[in-house]
């Protein structure tokens, strides 16, 4: 992992309610659930990219805001990501 990726995906503040850290525009996921170095970026309306190295997994969600003007909640994506990770070897 490059120094920039490691630095930008390290948590510098914490959201205790959701057990996630925040780095340079990246959210970090708890290691006990996701393995080491798992992180995601969340954009407007539910545009998200997540990287889970322990599962060799990259998941991207795009949302057509013309069809779904309210977007998709990040928590719904995280729930789906958990299901995908559980099904991954």
PDB file of N, CA and C in Angstrom:
ATOM      1  N   UNK A   1       0.855  -1.167   0.000  1.00  0.00           N
ATOM      2  CA  UNK A   1       0.000   0.000   0.000  1.00  0.00           C
ATOM      3  C   UNK A   1       0.902   1.230   0.000  1.00  0.00           C
ATOM      4  N   UNK A   2       0.618   2.155  -0.879  1.00  0.00           N
ATOM      5  CA  UNK A   2       1.461   3.358  -0.947  1.00  0.00           C
ATOM      6  C   UNK A   2       1.272   4.222   0.302  1.00  0.00           C
ATOM      7  N   UNK A   3       2.260   5.060   0.567  1.00  0.00           N
ATOM      8  CA  UNK A   3       2.201   5.957   1.727  1.00  0.00           C
ATOM      9  C   UNK A   3       0.976   6.860   1.667  1.00  0.00           C
ATOM     10  N   UNK A   4       0.660   7.390   0.463  1.00  0.00           N
ATOM     11  CA  UNK A   4      -0.478   8.300   0.346  1.00  0.00           C
ATOM     12  C   UNK A   4      -1.791   7.580   0.658  1.00  0.00           C
ATOM     13  N   UNK A   5      -1.950   6.372   0.149  1.00  0.00           N
ATOM     14  CA  UNK A   5      -3.176   5.624   0.436  1.00  0.00           C
ATOM     15  C   UNK A   5      -3.263   5.342   1.928  1.00  0.00           C
ATOM     16  N   UNK A   6      -2.193   4.891   2.514  1.00  0.00           N
ATOM     17  CA  UNK A   6      -2.182   4.608   3.959  1.00  0.00           C
ATOM     18  C   UNK A   6      -2.510   5.863   4.765  1.00  0.00           C
ATOM     19  N   UNK A   7      -1.884   6.979   4.405  1.00  0.00           N
ATOM     20  CA  UNK A   7      -2.123   8.224   5.145  1.00  0.00           C
ATOM     21  C   UNK A   7      -3.551   8.731   4.954  1.00  0.00           C
ATOM     22  N   UNK A   8      -4.047   8.719   3.721  1.00  0.00           N
ATOM     23  CA  UNK A   8      -5.369   9.287   3.444  1.00  0.00           C
ATOM     24  C   UNK A   8      -6.506   8.413   3.960  1.00  0.00           C
ATOM     25  N   UNK A   9      -6.243   7.124   4.171  1.00  0.00           N
ATOM     26  CA  UNK A   9      -7.294   6.235   4.672  1.00  0.00           C
ATOM     27  C   UNK A   9      -7.107   5.891   6.149  1.00  0.00           C
ATOM     28  N   UNK A  10      -6.256   6.620   6.825  1.00  0.00           N
ATOM     29  CA  UNK A  10      -6.116   6.481   8.275  1.00  0.00           C
ATOM     30  C   UNK A  10      -7.126   7.397   8.948  1.00  0.00           C
ATOM     31  N   UNK A  11      -7.692   6.935  10.054  1.00  0.00           N
ATOM     32  CA  UNK A  11      -8.682   7.738  10.775  1.00  0.00           C
ATOM     33  C   UNK A  11      -7.995   8.829  11.593  1.00  0.00           C
ATOM     34  N   UNK A  12      -8.483  10.051  11.435  1.00  0.00           N
ATOM     35  CA  UNK A  12      -7.999  11.188  12.219  1.00  0.00           C
ATOM     36  C   UNK A  12      -9.077  11.721  13.140  1.00  0.00           C
ATOM     37  N   UNK A  13     -10.309  11.252  12.940  1.00  0.00           N
ATOM     38  CA  UNK A  13     -11.422  11.540  13.844  1.00  0.00           C
ATOM     39  C   UNK A  13     -12.346  10.326  13.820  1.00  0.00           C
ATOM     40  N   UNK A  14     -13.247  10.249  14.834  1.00  0.00           N
ATOM     41  CA  UNK A  14     -14.082   9.054  14.980  1.00  0.00           C
ATOM     42  C   UNK A  14     -15.547   9.405  15.119  1.00  0.00           C
ATOM     43  N   UNK A  15     -16.386   8.606  14.470  1.00  0.00           N
ATOM     44  CA  UNK A  15     -17.833   8.676  14.654  1.00  0.00           C
ATOM     45  C   UNK A  15     -18.200   7.444  15.482  1.00  0.00           C
ATOM     46  N   UNK A  16     -18.267   7.599  16.778  1.00  0.00           N
ATOM     47  CA  UNK A  16     -18.425   6.456  17.670  1.00  0.00           C
ATOM     48  C   UNK A  16     -19.753   5.729  17.458  1.00  0.00           C
ATOM     49  N   UNK A  17     -20.807   6.454  17.134  1.00  0.00           N
ATOM     50  CA  UNK A  17     -22.117   5.827  16.961  1.00  0.00           C
ATOM     51  C   UNK A  17     -22.093   4.777  15.869  1.00  0.00           C
ATOM     52  N   UNK A  18     -21.365   5.047  14.784  1.00  0.00           N
ATOM     53  CA  UNK A  18     -21.307   4.099  13.672  1.00  0.00           C
ATOM     54  C   UNK A  18     -19.982   3.345  13.627  1.00  0.00           C
ATOM     55  N   UNK A  19     -19.138   3.551  14.647  1.00  0.00           N
ATOM     56  CA  UNK A  19     -17.845   2.856  14.756  1.00  0.00           C
ATOM     57  C   UNK A  19     -16.999   3.003  13.494  1.00  0.00           C
ATOM     58  N   UNK A  20     -16.932   4.213  12.981  1.00  0.00           N
ATOM     59  CA  UNK A  20     -16.121   4.468  11.799  1.00  0.00           C
ATOM     60  C   UNK A  20     -15.211   5.660  12.059  1.00  0.00           C
ATOM     61  N   UNK A  21     -14.048   5.615  11.405  1.00  0.00           N
ATOM     62  CA  UNK A  21     -13.123   6.727  11.476  1.00  0.00           C
ATOM     63  C   UNK A  21     -13.206   7.538  10.190  1.00  0.00           C
ATOM     64  N   UNK A  22     -12.600   8.714  10.208  1.00  0.00           N
ATOM     65  CA  UNK A  22     -12.610   9.564   9.021  1.00  0.00           C
ATOM     66  C   UNK A  22     -11.202  10.069   8.752  1.00  0.00           C
ATOM     67  N   UNK A  23     -10.745   9.880   7.520  1.00  0.00           N
ATOM     68  CA  UNK A  23      -9.420  10.341   7.107  1.00  0.00           C
ATOM     69  C   UNK A  23      -9.542  11.503   6.145  1.00  0.00           C
ATOM     70  N   UNK A  24      -8.802  11.470   5.065  1.00  0.00           N
ATOM     71  CA  UNK A  24      -8.846  12.526   4.055  1.00  0.00           C
ATOM     72  C   UNK A  24      -9.932  12.177   3.042  1.00  0.00           C
ATOM     73  N   UNK A  25     -11.182  12.440   3.374  1.00  0.00           N
ATOM     74  CA  UNK A  25     -12.346  12.172   2.527  1.00  0.00           C
ATOM     75  C   UNK A  25     -12.690  10.687   2.444  1.00  0.00           C
ATOM     76  N   UNK A  26     -12.074   9.857   3.272  1.00  0.00           N
ATOM     77  CA  UNK A  26     -12.354   8.421   3.312  1.00  0.00           C
ATOM     78  C   UNK A  26     -12.842   8.059   4.704  1.00  0.00           C
ATOM     79  N   UNK A  27     -13.849   7.195   4.759  1.00  0.00           N
ATOM     80  CA  UNK A  27     -14.313   6.620   6.017  1.00  0.00           C
ATOM     81  C   UNK A  27     -13.615   5.282   6.216  1.00  0.00           C
ATOM     82  N   UNK A  28     -13.193   5.012   7.438  1.00  0.00           N
ATOM     83  CA  UNK A  28     -12.569   3.724   7.736  1.00  0.00           C
ATOM     84  C   UNK A  28     -13.592   2.828   8.425  1.00  0.00           C
ATOM     85  N   UNK A  29     -13.491   1.535   8.161  1.00  0.00           N
ATOM     86  CA  UNK A  29     -14.414   0.563   8.737  1.00  0.00           C
ATOM     87  C   UNK A  29     -13.727  -0.209   9.852  1.00  0.00           C
ATOM     88  N   UNK A  30     -14.467  -0.626  10.887  1.00  0.00           N
ATOM     89  CA  UNK A  30     -13.855  -1.307  12.032  1.00  0.00           C
ATOM     90  C   UNK A  30     -13.150  -2.604  11.625  1.00  0.00           C
ATOM     91  N   UNK A  31     -11.926  -2.744  12.074  1.00  0.00           N
ATOM     92  CA  UNK A  31     -11.095  -3.893  11.704  1.00  0.00           C
ATOM     93  C   UNK A  31     -11.678  -5.210  12.197  1.00  0.00           C
ATOM     94  N   UNK A  32     -12.336  -5.196  13.362  1.00  0.00           N
ATOM     95  CA  UNK A  32     -12.877  -6.453  13.891  1.00  0.00           C
ATOM     96  C   UNK A  32     -13.998  -7.020  13.027  1.00  0.00           C
ATOM     97  N   UNK A  33     -14.645  -6.186  12.246  1.00  0.00           N
ATOM     98  CA  UNK A  33     -15.720  -6.629  11.351  1.00  0.00           C
ATOM     99  C   UNK A  33     -15.232  -6.822   9.927  1.00  0.00           C
ATOM    100  N   UNK A  34     -14.373  -5.906   9.449  1.00  0.00           N
ATOM    101  CA  UNK A  34     -14.011  -5.847   8.038  1.00  0.00           C
ATOM    102  C   UNK A  34     -12.596  -6.288   7.721  1.00  0.00           C
ATOM    103  N   UNK A  35     -11.796  -6.546   8.723  1.00  0.00           N
ATOM    104  CA  UNK A  35     -10.397  -6.838   8.491  1.00  0.00           C
ATOM    105  C   UNK A  35      -9.616  -5.534   8.411  1.00  0.00           C
ATOM    106  N   UNK A  36      -8.289  -5.621   8.289  1.00  0.00           N
ATOM    107  CA  UNK A  36      -7.467  -4.413   8.285  1.00  0.00           C
ATOM    108  C   UNK A  36      -7.645  -3.590   7.007  1.00  0.00           C
ATOM    109  N   UNK A  37      -7.548  -2.280   7.180  1.00  0.00           N
ATOM    110  CA  UNK A  37      -7.457  -1.314   6.078  1.00  0.00           C
ATOM    111  C   UNK A  37      -8.686  -1.236   5.178  1.00  0.00           C
ATOM    112  N   UNK A  38      -9.877  -1.529   5.673  1.00  0.00           N
ATOM    113  CA  UNK A  38     -11.099  -1.385   4.871  1.00  0.00           C
ATOM    114  C   UNK A  38     -11.590   0.058   4.967  1.00  0.00           C
ATOM    115  N   UNK A  39     -12.018   0.606   3.841  1.00  0.00           N
ATOM    116  CA  UNK A  39     -12.451   2.003   3.824  1.00  0.00           C
ATOM    117  C   UNK A  39     -13.420   2.243   2.678  1.00  0.00           C
ATOM    118  N   UNK A  40     -14.101   3.410   2.726  1.00  0.00           N
ATOM    119  CA  UNK A  40     -15.006   3.784   1.641  1.00  0.00           C
ATOM    120  C   UNK A  40     -15.115   5.303   1.551  1.00  0.00           C
ATOM    121  N   UNK A  41     -15.538   5.756   0.383  1.00  0.00           N
ATOM    122  CA  UNK A  41     -15.846   7.169   0.170  1.00  0.00           C
ATOM    123  C   UNK A  41     -17.321   7.242  -0.184  1.00  0.00           C
ATOM    124  N   UNK A  42     -17.999   8.215   0.390  1.00  0.00           N
ATOM    125  CA  UNK A  42     -19.434   8.365   0.198  1.00  0.00           C
ATOM    126  C   UNK A  42     -19.721   9.740  -0.378  1.00  0.00           C
ATOM    127  N   UNK A  43     -20.404   9.757  -1.522  1.00  0.00           N
ATOM    128  CA  UNK A  43     -20.722  11.014  -2.186  1.00  0.00           C
ATOM    129  C   UNK A  43     -22.206  11.328  -2.153  1.00  0.00           C
ATOM    130  N   UNK A  44     -22.570  12.399  -2.805  1.00  0.00           N
ATOM    131  CA  UNK A  44     -23.943  12.892  -2.816  1.00  0.00           C
ATOM    132  C   UNK A  44     -24.928  11.860  -3.353  1.00  0.00           C
ATOM    133  N   UNK A  45     -26.009  11.646  -2.621  1.00  0.00           N
ATOM    134  CA  UNK A  45     -27.087  10.798  -3.088  1.00  0.00           C
ATOM    135  C   UNK A  45     -26.829   9.308  -3.021  1.00  0.00           C
ATOM    136  N   UNK A  46     -25.692   8.909  -2.511  1.00  0.00           N
ATOM    137  CA  UNK A  46     -25.406   7.487  -2.389  1.00  0.00           C
ATOM    138  C   UNK A  46     -24.345   6.969  -3.342  1.00  0.00           C
ATOM    139  N   UNK A  47     -23.608   7.856  -3.991  1.00  0.00           N
ATOM    140  CA  UNK A  47     -22.479   7.419  -4.823  1.00  0.00           C
ATOM    141  C   UNK A  47     -21.380   6.976  -3.868  1.00  0.00           C
ATOM    142  N   UNK A  48     -20.989   5.702  -3.943  1.00  0.00           N
ATOM    143  CA  UNK A  48     -20.047   5.158  -2.958  1.00  0.00           C
ATOM    144  C   UNK A  48     -19.067   4.212  -3.639  1.00  0.00           C
ATOM    145  N   UNK A  49     -17.833   4.217  -3.123  1.00  0.00           N
ATOM    146  CA  UNK A  49     -16.849   3.201  -3.486  1.00  0.00           C
ATOM    147  C   UNK A  49     -16.276   2.663  -2.177  1.00  0.00           C
ATOM    148  N   UNK A  50     -16.221   1.331  -2.069  1.00  0.00           N
ATOM    149  CA  UNK A  50     -15.699   0.693  -0.862  1.00  0.00           C
ATOM    150  C   UNK A  50     -14.602  -0.289  -1.244  1.00  0.00           C
ATOM    151  N   UNK A  51     -13.577  -0.352  -0.398  1.00  0.00           N
ATOM    152  CA  UNK A  51     -12.458  -1.258  -0.603  1.00  0.00           C
ATOM    153  C   UNK A  51     -12.299  -2.085   0.673  1.00  0.00           C
ATOM    154  N   UNK A  52     -12.349  -3.410   0.520  1.00  0.00           N
ATOM    155  CA  UNK A  52     -12.192  -4.329   1.645  1.00  0.00           C
ATOM    156  C   UNK A  52     -11.053  -5.289   1.291  1.00  0.00           C
ATOM    157  N   UNK A  53      -9.802  -4.914   1.621  1.00  0.00           N
ATOM    158  CA  UNK A  53      -8.648  -5.713   1.218  1.00  0.00           C
ATOM    159  C   UNK A  53      -8.679  -7.161   1.707  1.00  0.00           C
ATOM    160  N   UNK A  54      -9.194  -7.407   2.902  1.00  0.00           N
ATOM    161  CA  UNK A  54      -9.193  -8.775   3.433  1.00  0.00           C
ATOM    162  C   UNK A  54     -10.031  -9.726   2.584  1.00  0.00           C
ATOM    163  N   UNK A  55     -10.971  -9.178   1.828  1.00  0.00           N
ATOM    164  CA  UNK A  55     -11.808  -9.977   0.936  1.00  0.00           C
ATOM    165  C   UNK A  55     -11.430  -9.782  -0.534  1.00  0.00           C
ATOM    166  N   UNK A  56     -10.378  -8.975  -0.762  1.00  0.00           N
ATOM    167  CA  UNK A  56      -9.990  -8.624  -2.145  1.00  0.00           C
ATOM    168  C   UNK A  56     -11.203  -8.085  -2.907  1.00  0.00           C
ATOM    169  N   UNK A  57     -11.896  -7.137  -2.268  1.00  0.00           N
ATOM    170  CA  UNK A  57     -13.195  -6.688  -2.726  1.00  0.00           C
ATOM    171  C   UNK A  57     -13.218  -5.176  -2.940  1.00  0.00           C
ATOM    172  N   UNK A  58     -13.716  -4.777  -4.104  1.00  0.00           N
ATOM    173  CA  UNK A  58     -14.007  -3.374  -4.391  1.00  0.00           C
ATOM    174  C   UNK A  58     -15.456  -3.334  -4.857  1.00  0.00           C
ATOM    175  N   UNK A  59     -16.267  -2.497  -4.218  1.00  0.00           N
ATOM    176  CA  UNK A  59     -17.680  -2.389  -4.569  1.00  0.00           C
ATOM    177  C   UNK A  59     -17.976  -0.922  -4.842  1.00  0.00           C
ATOM    178  N   UNK A  60     -18.651  -0.677  -5.969  1.00  0.00           N
ATOM    179  CA  UNK A  60     -19.017   0.687  -6.368  1.00  0.00           C
ATOM    180  C   UNK A  60     -20.532   0.757  -6.523  1.00  0.00           C
ATOM    181  N   UNK A  61     -21.121   1.799  -5.979  1.00  0.00           N
ATOM    182  CA  UNK A  61     -22.554   2.037  -6.151  1.00  0.00           C
ATOM    183  C   UNK A  61     -22.740   3.393  -6.810  1.00  0.00           C
ATOM    184  N   UNK A  62     -23.486   3.410  -7.894  1.00  0.00           N
ATOM    185  CA  UNK A  62     -23.897   4.673  -8.499  1.00  0.00           C
ATOM    186  C   UNK A  62     -25.405   4.776  -8.372  1.00  0.00           C
ATOM    187  N   UNK A  63     -25.902   5.985  -8.297  1.00  0.00           N
ATOM    188  CA  UNK A  63     -27.330   6.209  -8.117  1.00  0.00           C
ATOM    189  C   UNK A  63     -27.793   7.211  -9.167  1.00  0.00           C
ATOM    190  N   UNK A  64     -28.833   6.860  -9.903  1.00  0.00           N
ATOM    191  CA  UNK A  64     -29.441   7.771 -10.871  1.00  0.00           C
ATOM    192  C   UNK A  64     -30.428   8.650 -10.104  1.00  0.00           C
ATOM    193  N   UNK A  65     -30.007   9.864  -9.804  1.00  0.00           N
ATOM    194  CA  UNK A  65     -30.835  10.761  -8.997  1.00  0.00           C
ATOM    195  C   UNK A  65     -32.058  11.261  -9.764  1.00  0.00           C
ATOM    196  N   UNK A  66     -32.091  11.075 -11.076  1.00  0.00           N
ATOM    197  CA  UNK A  66     -33.299  11.397 -11.829  1.00  0.00           C
ATOM    198  C   UNK A  66     -34.396  10.383 -11.527  1.00  0.00           C
ATOM    199  N   UNK A  67     -34.009   9.136 -11.336  1.00  0.00           N
ATOM    200  CA  UNK A  67     -34.985   8.097 -11.020  1.00  0.00           C
ATOM    201  C   UNK A  67     -35.230   7.971  -9.514  1.00  0.00           C
ATOM    202  N   UNK A  68     -34.246   8.316  -8.724  1.00  0.00           N
ATOM    203  CA  UNK A  68     -34.357   8.209  -7.279  1.00  0.00           C
ATOM    204  C   UNK A  68     -33.840   9.509  -6.661  1.00  0.00           C
ATOM    205  N   UNK A  69     -34.672  10.582  -6.692  1.00  0.00           N
ATOM    206  CA  UNK A  69     -34.204  11.898  -6.242  1.00  0.00           C
ATOM    207  C   UNK A  69     -33.760  11.950  -4.775  1.00  0.00           C
ATOM    208  N   UNK A  70     -34.223  11.000  -3.958  1.00  0.00           N
ATOM    209  CA  UNK A  70     -33.823  10.991  -2.552  1.00  0.00           C
ATOM    210  C   UNK A  70     -32.501  10.277  -2.333  1.00  0.00           C
ATOM    211  N   UNK A  71     -31.989   9.636  -3.374  1.00  0.00           N
ATOM    212  CA  UNK A  71     -30.722   8.931  -3.251  1.00  0.00           C
ATOM    213  C   UNK A  71     -30.861   7.664  -2.440  1.00  0.00           C
ATOM    214  N   UNK A  72     -29.734   7.123  -2.007  1.00  0.00           N
ATOM    215  CA  UNK A  72     -29.678   5.901  -1.213  1.00  0.00           C
ATOM    216  C   UNK A  72     -28.846   6.193   0.034  1.00  0.00           C
ATOM    217  N   UNK A  73     -29.359   5.796   1.168  1.00  0.00           N
ATOM    218  CA  UNK A  73     -28.642   6.042   2.420  1.00  0.00           C
ATOM    219  C   UNK A  73     -27.365   5.200   2.483  1.00  0.00           C
ATOM    220  N   UNK A  74     -26.315   5.773   3.028  1.00  0.00           N
ATOM    221  CA  UNK A  74     -25.052   5.056   3.173  1.00  0.00           C
ATOM    222  C   UNK A  74     -25.231   3.803   4.025  1.00  0.00           C
ATOM    223  N   UNK A  75     -26.069   3.875   5.036  1.00  0.00           N
ATOM    224  CA  UNK A  75     -26.279   2.709   5.900  1.00  0.00           C
ATOM    225  C   UNK A  75     -26.857   1.531   5.114  1.00  0.00           C
ATOM    226  N   UNK A  76     -27.696   1.795   4.122  1.00  0.00           N
ATOM    227  CA  UNK A  76     -28.248   0.721   3.276  1.00  0.00           C
ATOM    228  C   UNK A  76     -27.123   0.086   2.456  1.00  0.00           C
ATOM    229  N   UNK A  77     -26.200   0.914   1.957  1.00  0.00           N
ATOM    230  CA  UNK A  77     -25.057   0.378   1.217  1.00  0.00           C
ATOM    231  C   UNK A  77     -24.177  -0.477   2.121  1.00  0.00           C
ATOM    232  N   UNK A  78     -23.902  -0.012   3.339  1.00  0.00           N
ATOM    233  CA  UNK A  78     -23.052  -0.769   4.268  1.00  0.00           C
ATOM    234  C   UNK A  78     -23.701  -2.116   4.576  1.00  0.00           C
ATOM    235  N   UNK A  79     -25.017  -2.149   4.742  1.00  0.00           N
ATOM    236  CA  UNK A  79     -25.706  -3.424   4.968  1.00  0.00           C
ATOM    237  C   UNK A  79     -25.513  -4.359   3.776  1.00  0.00           C
ATOM    238  N   UNK A  80     -25.636  -3.827   2.566  1.00  0.00           N
ATOM    239  CA  UNK A  80     -25.418  -4.636   1.363  1.00  0.00           C
ATOM    240  C   UNK A  80     -23.962  -5.091   1.269  1.00  0.00           C
ATOM    241  N   UNK A  81     -23.042  -4.196   1.591  1.00  0.00           N
ATOM    242  CA  UNK A  81     -21.612  -4.535   1.559  1.00  0.00           C
ATOM    243  C   UNK A  81     -21.323  -5.688   2.521  1.00  0.00           C
ATOM    244  N   UNK A  82     -21.968  -5.703   3.693  1.00  0.00           N
ATOM    245  CA  UNK A  82     -21.776  -6.805   4.648  1.00  0.00           C
ATOM    246  C   UNK A  82     -22.221  -8.126   4.037  1.00  0.00           C
ATOM    247  N   UNK A  83     -23.345  -8.104   3.345  1.00  0.00           N
ATOM    248  CA  UNK A  83     -23.843  -9.331   2.706  1.00  0.00           C
ATOM    249  C   UNK A  83     -22.876  -9.817   1.615  1.00  0.00           C
ATOM    250  N   UNK A  84     -22.361  -8.881   0.833  1.00  0.00           N
ATOM    251  CA  UNK A  84     -21.401  -9.233  -0.227  1.00  0.00           C
ATOM    252  C   UNK A  84     -20.126  -9.791   0.396  1.00  0.00           C
ATOM    253  N   UNK A  85     -19.637  -9.143   1.451  1.00  0.00           N
ATOM    254  CA  UNK A  85     -18.399  -9.598   2.106  1.00  0.00           C
ATOM    255  C   UNK A  85     -18.581 -10.987   2.725  1.00  0.00           C
ATOM    256  N   UNK A  86     -19.736 -11.241   3.313  1.00  0.00           N
ATOM    257  CA  UNK A  86     -19.985 -12.557   3.899  1.00  0.00           C
ATOM    258  C   UNK A  86     -20.003 -13.650   2.842  1.00  0.00           C
ATOM    259  N   UNK A  87     -20.440 -13.301   1.625  1.00  0.00           N
ATOM    260  CA  UNK A  87     -20.503 -14.286   0.542  1.00  0.00           C
ATOM    261  C   UNK A  87     -19.166 -14.439  -0.182  1.00  0.00           C
ATOM    262  N   UNK A  88     -18.221 -13.545   0.100  1.00  0.00           N
ATOM    263  CA  UNK A  88     -16.913 -13.583  -0.564  1.00  0.00           C
ATOM    264  C   UNK A  88     -15.980 -14.536   0.173  1.00  0.00           C
ATOM    265  N   UNK A  89     -15.108 -15.229  -0.584  1.00  0.00           N
ATOM    266  CA  UNK A  89     -14.163 -16.146   0.075  1.00  0.00           C
ATOM    267  C   UNK A  89     -13.135 -15.424   0.915  1.00  0.00           C
TER     268      UNK A  89
END
